Amino acid sequence: MSNIGTMIKNQRERLNMTQSEVAYRLGYTNAQFISNIERNISSLPPKKFAMVSRLLKLNLDDIIKAKADDMTSTLRAAVKGGNKKKRVS
């Protein structure tokens, strides 16, 4: 499965862009938000997908698929975690 944070980081580095530059061009005041996206601490808002696609020269459908894969992974983990049976003593 694709990971949107990894995809953004890899492409940003391929283009020799800093997190600060990406943040500024996306309208954020500092690079911490981009760092958090790349480390999967924060989520890229869908309203920024098209901007990221143009800025980093990524296919918009690939970004959407990566986001869907991330969401699927999160949901699967939540479901598996929520289905743990308690032992009855």
Protein backbone atom coordinates (compact mmCIF):
# COMPACT_ATOMS: atom_id res chain seq x y z
CA MET A 1 0.00 0.00 0.00
CA SER A 2 1.12 3.52 -0.73
CA ASN A 3 1.64 5.96 2.08
CA ILE A 4 0.84 9.58 1.33
CA GLY A 5 3.45 10.94 3.75
CA THR A 6 6.21 8.83 2.24
CA MET A 7 5.09 9.73 -1.27
CA ILE A 8 5.25 13.46 -0.48
CA LYS A 9 8.62 13.20 1.24
CA ASN A 10 10.23 11.15 -1.52
CA GLN A 11 9.01 13.45 -4.28
CA ARG A 12 9.90 16.60 -2.33
CA GLU A 13 13.44 15.29 -1.91
CA ARG A 14 13.64 14.28 -5.61
CA LEU A 15 12.77 17.86 -6.50
CA ASN A 16 15.32 19.22 -3.98
CA MET A 17 12.66 21.14 -2.12
CA THR A 18 12.71 21.87 1.59
CA GLN A 19 9.81 21.29 3.93
CA SER A 20 9.74 25.07 4.47
CA GLU A 21 9.39 25.71 0.74
CA VAL A 22 6.56 23.22 0.40
CA ALA A 23 4.82 24.63 3.47
CA TYR A 24 5.07 28.20 2.18
CA ARG A 25 3.75 27.29 -1.27
CA LEU A 26 0.82 25.43 0.28
CA GLY A 27 -0.02 28.40 2.50
CA TYR A 28 1.30 27.13 5.82
CA THR A 29 3.40 29.32 8.10
CA ASN A 30 6.04 26.76 9.05
CA ALA A 31 7.53 23.46 7.98
CA GLN A 32 6.36 21.51 11.03
CA PHE A 33 3.03 20.64 9.42
CA ILE A 34 4.80 19.18 6.36
CA SER A 35 7.12 17.24 8.66
CA ASN A 36 4.10 15.88 10.50
CA ILE A 37 2.44 14.84 7.23
CA GLU A 38 5.60 13.08 6.09
CA ARG A 39 5.79 11.22 9.42
CA ASN A 40 2.06 10.41 9.36
CA ILE A 41 1.35 12.41 12.49
CA SER A 42 -0.94 14.82 10.62
CA SER A 43 -3.11 14.28 7.59
CA LEU A 44 -2.95 16.25 4.35
CA PRO A 45 -6.31 17.98 3.94
CA PRO A 46 -8.09 16.83 0.77
CA LYS A 47 -8.52 20.48 -0.28
CA LYS A 48 -4.71 20.59 -0.67
CA PHE A 49 -4.43 17.47 -2.89
CA ALA A 50 -4.56 19.39 -6.18
CA MET A 51 -2.00 21.94 -4.97
CA VAL A 52 0.36 19.18 -3.84
CA SER A 53 -0.12 17.40 -7.15
CA ARG A 54 0.92 20.49 -9.12
CA LEU A 55 3.69 21.57 -6.75
CA LEU A 56 5.37 18.18 -6.46
CA LYS A 57 4.48 16.97 -9.96
CA LEU A 58 2.53 13.99 -8.63
CA ASN A 59 -0.45 12.37 -10.28
CA LEU A 60 -3.60 13.46 -8.45
CA ASP A 61 -5.07 9.94 -8.71
CA ASP A 62 -1.93 8.54 -7.02
CA ILE A 63 -2.37 10.99 -4.13
CA ILE A 64 -6.03 10.03 -3.76
CA LYS A 65 -5.17 6.31 -3.87
CA ALA A 66 -2.42 6.76 -1.27
CA LYS A 67 -4.87 8.61 1.01
CA ALA A 68 -7.47 5.85 0.53
CA ASP A 69 -4.83 3.20 1.33
CA ASP A 70 -3.85 5.10 4.48
CA MET A 71 -7.48 5.34 5.56
CA THR A 72 -8.06 1.65 4.87
CA SER A 73 -5.02 0.72 6.97
CA THR A 74 -6.21 2.93 9.82
CA LEU A 75 -9.70 1.43 9.72
CA ARG A 76 -8.39 -2.15 9.59
CA ALA A 77 -6.17 -1.50 12.60
CA ALA A 78 -9.08 0.05 14.51
CA VAL A 79 -11.36 -2.87 13.71
CA LYS A 80 -8.75 -5.45 14.68
CA GLY A 81 -8.00 -3.58 17.89
CA GLY A 82 -11.69 -3.28 18.71
CA ASN A 83 -12.37 -6.99 18.22
CA LYS A 84 -10.05 -8.23 20.95
CA LYS A 85 -11.98 -10.54 23.19
CA LYS A 86 -11.63 -10.13 26.91
CA ARG A 87 -10.73 -13.20 28.87
CA VAL A 88 -13.33 -14.30 31.30
CA SER A 89 -11.85 -15.50 34.56
